[in-house]
Every structure is written in structure tokens, then in C-alpha cells.
N, C-alpha and C. Protein backbone atom coordinates (compact mmCIF):
# COMPACT_ATOMS: atom_id res chain seq x y z
N MET A 1 27.53 -7.99 -47.59
CA MET A 1 27.87 -8.83 -46.55
C MET A 1 29.49 -8.37 -46.33
N THR A 2 30.25 -7.77 -47.17
CA THR A 2 31.32 -6.95 -46.93
C THR A 2 31.32 -6.02 -45.83
N LEU A 3 30.15 -5.25 -45.99
CA LEU A 3 30.14 -4.20 -44.94
C LEU A 3 29.87 -4.85 -43.74
N VAL A 4 29.19 -5.57 -43.58
CA VAL A 4 28.81 -6.28 -42.25
C VAL A 4 30.13 -6.78 -41.76
N ARG A 5 31.03 -7.64 -42.40
CA ARG A 5 32.48 -7.91 -41.98
C ARG A 5 33.26 -7.13 -41.31
N ILE A 6 33.13 -5.66 -42.11
CA ILE A 6 34.02 -4.57 -41.74
C ILE A 6 33.73 -4.14 -40.27
N ILE A 7 32.21 -3.86 -40.21
CA ILE A 7 31.87 -3.40 -39.05
C ILE A 7 31.95 -4.42 -37.82
N LEU A 8 31.86 -5.76 -38.12
CA LEU A 8 32.26 -6.60 -36.99
C LEU A 8 33.75 -6.59 -36.83
N SER A 9 34.45 -6.35 -37.96
CA SER A 9 35.85 -6.19 -37.64
C SER A 9 36.49 -4.97 -36.57
N VAL A 10 35.79 -3.96 -36.89
CA VAL A 10 36.19 -2.85 -36.17
C VAL A 10 35.79 -3.13 -34.70
N LEU A 11 34.83 -3.80 -34.41
CA LEU A 11 34.45 -4.30 -32.98
C LEU A 11 35.56 -5.37 -32.51
N ILE A 12 35.59 -6.57 -33.02
CA ILE A 12 36.61 -7.34 -32.90
C ILE A 12 37.31 -8.09 -34.31
N PRO A 13 38.46 -7.75 -34.36
CA PRO A 13 38.91 -7.85 -35.85
C PRO A 13 39.14 -9.50 -36.33
N PRO A 14 39.28 -10.30 -35.15
CA PRO A 14 39.49 -11.74 -35.62
C PRO A 14 38.06 -12.21 -35.99
N LEU A 15 36.95 -11.67 -35.55
CA LEU A 15 35.79 -12.10 -36.16
C LEU A 15 35.37 -11.93 -37.50
N GLY A 16 35.81 -10.63 -38.11
CA GLY A 16 35.49 -10.41 -39.53
C GLY A 16 36.57 -11.34 -40.38
N VAL A 17 37.80 -11.46 -39.85
CA VAL A 17 38.49 -12.43 -40.75
C VAL A 17 37.99 -13.96 -40.66
N PHE A 18 37.46 -14.39 -39.55
CA PHE A 18 36.92 -15.82 -39.50
C PHE A 18 35.56 -15.85 -40.36
N LEU A 19 34.81 -14.82 -40.52
CA LEU A 19 33.71 -14.86 -41.55
C LEU A 19 34.36 -14.85 -42.89
N LYS A 20 35.36 -14.41 -43.22
CA LYS A 20 36.27 -14.10 -44.58
C LYS A 20 36.70 -15.77 -44.85
N VAL A 21 37.61 -16.16 -44.11
CA VAL A 21 38.62 -17.26 -44.40
C VAL A 21 38.51 -18.44 -43.47
N GLY A 22 37.53 -18.59 -42.50
CA GLY A 22 37.51 -19.54 -41.56
C GLY A 22 38.69 -19.59 -40.52
N LEU A 23 39.07 -20.85 -40.10
CA LEU A 23 40.25 -21.01 -39.21
C LEU A 23 41.64 -21.39 -39.85
N GLY A 24 41.69 -20.43 -40.95
CA GLY A 24 42.76 -20.60 -41.56
C GLY A 24 44.07 -19.99 -41.11
N GLY A 25 45.19 -19.84 -41.70
CA GLY A 25 46.43 -19.23 -40.92
C GLY A 25 46.17 -17.60 -41.10
N GLN A 26 45.48 -17.04 -41.90
CA GLN A 26 45.00 -15.72 -41.86
C GLN A 26 44.53 -15.37 -40.62
N PHE A 27 43.48 -16.16 -40.03
CA PHE A 27 42.76 -15.92 -38.79
C PHE A 27 43.73 -16.05 -37.86
N TRP A 28 44.89 -17.13 -37.65
CA TRP A 28 45.52 -17.23 -36.66
C TRP A 28 46.67 -16.13 -36.41
N LEU A 29 46.87 -15.64 -37.86
CA LEU A 29 47.82 -14.41 -37.67
C LEU A 29 47.06 -13.22 -37.27
N ASN A 30 45.84 -12.90 -37.32
CA ASN A 30 44.94 -11.90 -36.87
C ASN A 30 44.83 -11.86 -35.36
N ILE A 31 44.69 -13.07 -34.91
CA ILE A 31 44.45 -13.19 -33.30
C ILE A 31 45.84 -12.76 -32.95
N LEU A 32 47.15 -13.23 -33.34
CA LEU A 32 48.38 -12.82 -33.09
C LEU A 32 48.45 -11.42 -33.03
N LEU A 33 48.05 -10.48 -34.24
CA LEU A 33 48.17 -9.16 -34.18
C LEU A 33 47.14 -8.37 -33.65
N THR A 34 46.16 -9.10 -33.07
CA THR A 34 45.33 -8.26 -32.24
C THR A 34 45.71 -8.25 -30.90
N ILE A 35 46.31 -9.33 -30.52
CA ILE A 35 46.91 -9.48 -29.10
C ILE A 35 48.17 -8.47 -28.82
N LEU A 36 48.94 -8.48 -30.11
CA LEU A 36 50.01 -7.55 -29.85
C LEU A 36 49.46 -6.28 -30.04
N GLY A 37 48.41 -5.86 -30.44
CA GLY A 37 48.08 -4.27 -30.49
C GLY A 37 46.77 -4.47 -31.38
N TYR A 38 45.71 -3.49 -31.02
CA TYR A 38 44.45 -3.85 -31.73
C TYR A 38 44.27 -2.92 -33.14
N VAL A 39 45.33 -2.04 -33.27
CA VAL A 39 45.47 -1.37 -34.50
C VAL A 39 46.08 -2.50 -35.62
N PRO A 40 47.03 -3.09 -35.30
CA PRO A 40 47.74 -4.14 -36.31
C PRO A 40 46.42 -5.04 -36.78
N GLY A 41 45.83 -5.64 -35.66
CA GLY A 41 44.99 -6.50 -36.10
C GLY A 41 43.81 -5.98 -36.68
N LEU A 42 43.38 -4.81 -36.46
CA LEU A 42 42.24 -3.98 -37.37
C LEU A 42 42.64 -3.80 -38.80
N VAL A 43 43.96 -3.44 -38.86
CA VAL A 43 44.37 -3.03 -40.24
C VAL A 43 44.50 -4.43 -41.17
N HIS A 44 45.06 -5.64 -40.45
CA HIS A 44 45.14 -6.70 -41.17
C HIS A 44 43.74 -7.24 -41.54
N ALA A 45 42.73 -7.00 -40.66
CA ALA A 45 41.29 -7.59 -40.96
C ALA A 45 40.59 -6.73 -42.16
N ILE A 46 40.86 -5.60 -42.19
CA ILE A 46 40.20 -4.84 -43.17
C ILE A 46 40.97 -5.07 -44.59
N TRP A 47 42.26 -5.38 -44.32
CA TRP A 47 42.90 -5.60 -45.64
C TRP A 47 42.60 -7.18 -46.13
N ILE A 48 42.47 -8.07 -45.19
CA ILE A 48 41.98 -9.44 -45.79
C ILE A 48 40.33 -9.29 -46.28
N ILE A 49 39.55 -8.52 -45.71
CA ILE A 49 38.11 -8.38 -45.99
C ILE A 49 38.01 -7.75 -47.41
N SER A 50 38.90 -6.64 -47.69
CA SER A 50 38.63 -5.87 -48.63
C SER A 50 39.33 -6.60 -50.12
N ARG A 51 40.07 -7.62 -49.57
CA ARG A 51 40.55 -8.33 -50.91
C ARG A 51 39.69 -9.07 -51.66
N SER A 52 39.65 -8.93 -53.10
CA SER A 52 38.54 -9.46 -53.75
C SER A 52 38.76 -10.80 -54.11
N GLU A 53 39.79 -11.49 -54.11
CA GLU A 53 40.05 -13.02 -54.23
C GLU A 53 39.70 -13.52 -53.10
N PRO A 54 39.51 -14.97 -52.97
CA PRO A 54 39.40 -15.60 -51.96
C PRO A 54 41.01 -16.18 -51.50
N VAL A 55 41.16 -16.02 -49.83
CA VAL A 55 42.32 -16.28 -49.48
C VAL A 55 42.46 -17.88 -49.11
N ALA A 56 43.68 -18.32 -49.43
CA ALA A 56 43.63 -19.66 -49.16
C ALA A 56 43.97 -19.76 -47.85
N ALA A 57 43.32 -21.01 -47.24
CA ALA A 57 43.57 -21.26 -45.90
C ALA A 57 44.91 -21.74 -45.35
């Protein structure tokens, strides 16, 4: 499942974060980073997805 999230994050970074954490703060932060620039949103998305512990919303 992690590989699918990473592939989706390359296409649309907030989608991968949404699949990992839902509509929490990390999702909205990723939306903002993606609006400011694709690369910061992508880096943040991969960082969130690759974390082993669940992220609090």
C-alpha cells in the first residue's frame, strides 16, 4: 500500500497524504506546500508516507 501512496503522491502530492492521514493538519499543510511549489509538496508527501508511526491529525 505504501508504494501505491508514493506513486499517487508523485502525481498529486496531497492525495498520498490524504490516504495516509485523512483531513488532518498534515493534509492541509501539504495542500499549502503544493500550491507554493510542486517540489515542496512532493517532498513533504513522501516524508509523511514513509514515516512508520501514524501521524496525529
